[in-house]
Amino acid sequence: MKKSQKWEADIFGIGAEFQRSMSSYWKDIKDNWDEIYRELEVEVNVTSNIRQFGLLEKPPFSEYHLSEEEKQEQGEKGEKGEE
């Protein structure tokens, strides 16, 4: 968030949300939005629901964390039909 504020890049669409939900307030602040955004304090609250749990046989994207030698071994196992 701090980097986007430093660059005055509202990548999360906070200004657009002000414009949609508080249009009369937005009209008062839109000309100074870059400055306001830069100084804005943001609090993030997250609520999540775990729909399913268990063990993964193979973590997603695990091949991206393998050395070249490990990738080659995995390829050889796959060609032989081994797991």
C-alpha atoms as a PDB file:
ATOM      1  CA  MET A   1       0.000   0.000   0.000  1.00  0.00           C
ATOM      2  CA  LYS A   2       2.788   2.406   0.940  1.00  0.00           C
ATOM      3  CA  LYS A   3       4.513   1.974  -2.428  1.00  0.00           C
ATOM      4  CA  SER A   4       1.309   2.620  -4.341  1.00  0.00           C
ATOM      5  CA  GLN A   5       0.784   5.753  -2.243  1.00  0.00           C
ATOM      6  CA  LYS A   6       4.337   6.905  -2.865  1.00  0.00           C
ATOM      7  CA  TRP A   7       3.747   6.598  -6.618  1.00  0.00           C
ATOM      8  CA  GLU A   8       0.195   8.013  -6.322  1.00  0.00           C
ATOM      9  CA  ALA A   9      -1.119   4.891  -8.014  1.00  0.00           C
ATOM     10  CA  ASP A  10      -4.557   3.976  -6.682  1.00  0.00           C
ATOM     11  CA  ILE A  11      -4.249   0.334  -7.762  1.00  0.00           C
ATOM     12  CA  PHE A  12      -6.928  -0.805  -5.317  1.00  0.00           C
ATOM     13  CA  GLY A  13      -9.590   1.541  -6.689  1.00  0.00           C
ATOM     14  CA  ILE A  14     -10.192   3.420  -3.455  1.00  0.00           C
ATOM     15  CA  GLY A  15     -10.975   6.640  -5.325  1.00  0.00           C
ATOM     16  CA  ALA A  16     -13.416   4.801  -7.581  1.00  0.00           C
ATOM     17  CA  GLU A  17     -15.162   3.414  -4.508  1.00  0.00           C
ATOM     18  CA  PHE A  18     -15.476   6.930  -3.057  1.00  0.00           C
ATOM     19  CA  GLN A  19     -16.885   8.100  -6.374  1.00  0.00           C
ATOM     20  CA  ARG A  20     -19.448   5.250  -6.449  1.00  0.00           C
ATOM     21  CA  SER A  21     -20.567   5.175  -2.846  1.00  0.00           C
ATOM     22  CA  MET A  22     -20.025   8.776  -1.690  1.00  0.00           C
ATOM     23  CA  SER A  23     -20.426  10.844  -4.851  1.00  0.00           C
ATOM     24  CA  SER A  24     -21.119  14.179  -3.127  1.00  0.00           C
ATOM     25  CA  TYR A  25     -17.997  13.783  -0.958  1.00  0.00           C
ATOM     26  CA  TRP A  26     -15.985  12.705  -4.018  1.00  0.00           C
ATOM     27  CA  LYS A  27     -16.899  15.935  -5.811  1.00  0.00           C
ATOM     28  CA  ASP A  28     -15.296  17.880  -2.941  1.00  0.00           C
ATOM     29  CA  ILE A  29     -12.058  15.869  -2.873  1.00  0.00           C
ATOM     30  CA  LYS A  30     -11.470  14.680  -6.447  1.00  0.00           C
ATOM     31  CA  ASP A  31      -9.231  17.606  -7.431  1.00  0.00           C
ATOM     32  CA  ASN A  32      -6.897  16.804  -4.514  1.00  0.00           C
ATOM     33  CA  TRP A  33      -7.203  13.016  -4.674  1.00  0.00           C
ATOM     34  CA  ASP A  34      -3.522  12.372  -5.471  1.00  0.00           C
ATOM     35  CA  GLU A  35      -2.437  14.272  -2.361  1.00  0.00           C
ATOM     36  CA  ILE A  36      -5.172  12.732  -0.205  1.00  0.00           C
ATOM     37  CA  TYR A  37      -4.345   9.232  -1.426  1.00  0.00           C
ATOM     38  CA  ARG A  38      -0.665   9.718  -0.632  1.00  0.00           C
ATOM     39  CA  GLU A  39      -1.504  10.509   3.026  1.00  0.00           C
ATOM     40  CA  LEU A  40      -4.430   8.103   3.436  1.00  0.00           C
ATOM     41  CA  GLU A  41      -4.293   5.694   6.371  1.00  0.00           C
ATOM     42  CA  VAL A  42      -5.786   2.325   5.469  1.00  0.00           C
ATOM     43  CA  GLU A  43      -6.881  -0.454   7.788  1.00  0.00           C
ATOM     44  CA  VAL A  44      -7.386  -3.869   6.234  1.00  0.00           C
ATOM     45  CA  ASN A  45      -9.684  -6.435   7.832  1.00  0.00           C
ATOM     46  CA  VAL A  46      -9.894  -9.901   6.341  1.00  0.00           C
ATOM     47  CA  THR A  47     -12.493 -12.579   6.900  1.00  0.00           C
ATOM     48  CA  SER A  48     -11.842 -15.941   5.320  1.00  0.00           C
ATOM     49  CA  ASN A  49     -13.577 -19.274   5.163  1.00  0.00           C
ATOM     50  CA  ILE A  50     -11.737 -22.535   4.689  1.00  0.00           C
ATOM     51  CA  ARG A  51     -13.962 -24.601   2.430  1.00  0.00           C
ATOM     52  CA  GLN A  52     -11.802 -27.686   2.335  1.00  0.00           C
ATOM     53  CA  PHE A  53      -8.715 -28.858   4.138  1.00  0.00           C
ATOM     54  CA  GLY A  54      -6.280 -31.706   3.852  1.00  0.00           C
ATOM     55  CA  LEU A  55      -2.859 -32.506   2.567  1.00  0.00           C
ATOM     56  CA  LEU A  56      -1.746 -31.885  -0.968  1.00  0.00           C
ATOM     57  CA  GLU A  57       0.074 -34.695  -2.666  1.00  0.00           C
ATOM     58  CA  LYS A  58       2.148 -32.168  -4.564  1.00  0.00           C
ATOM     59  CA  PRO A  59       2.093 -28.489  -3.651  1.00  0.00           C
ATOM     60  CA  PRO A  60       0.943 -26.211  -6.468  1.00  0.00           C
ATOM     61  CA  PHE A  61       3.775 -24.602  -8.416  1.00  0.00           C
ATOM     62  CA  SER A  62       6.340 -26.771  -6.635  1.00  0.00           C
ATOM     63  CA  GLU A  63       8.259 -27.204  -9.892  1.00  0.00           C
ATOM     64  CA  TYR A  64       9.199 -23.523  -9.747  1.00  0.00           C
ATOM     65  CA  HIS A  65      11.146 -24.096  -6.540  1.00  0.00           C
ATOM     66  CA  LEU A  66      13.202 -27.030  -7.796  1.00  0.00           C
ATOM     67  CA  SER A  67      16.820 -26.920  -8.846  1.00  0.00           C
ATOM     68  CA  GLU A  68      17.628 -27.848 -12.432  1.00  0.00           C
ATOM     69  CA  GLU A  69      18.812 -31.254 -11.211  1.00  0.00           C
ATOM     70  CA  GLU A  70      15.541 -31.868  -9.336  1.00  0.00           C
ATOM     71  CA  LYS A  71      13.514 -30.814 -12.391  1.00  0.00           C
ATOM     72  CA  GLN A  72      15.480 -33.286 -14.519  1.00  0.00           C
ATOM     73  CA  GLU A  73      14.894 -36.076 -11.967  1.00  0.00           C
ATOM     74  CA  GLN A  74      11.171 -35.308 -11.928  1.00  0.00           C
ATOM     75  CA  GLY A  75      11.091 -35.426 -15.719  1.00  0.00           C
ATOM     76  CA  GLU A  76      12.842 -38.784 -15.758  1.00  0.00           C
ATOM     77  CA  LYS A  77      10.419 -40.198 -13.180  1.00  0.00           C
ATOM     78  CA  GLY A  78       7.483 -38.983 -15.234  1.00  0.00           C
ATOM     79  CA  GLU A  79       8.850 -40.634 -18.386  1.00  0.00           C
ATOM     80  CA  LYS A  80       9.251 -43.944 -16.528  1.00  0.00           C
ATOM     81  CA  GLY A  81       5.780 -43.694 -14.997  1.00  0.00           C
ATOM     82  CA  GLU A  82       7.180 -43.488 -11.460  1.00  0.00           C
ATOM     83  CA  GLU A  83       5.863 -41.288  -8.705  1.00  0.00           C
END
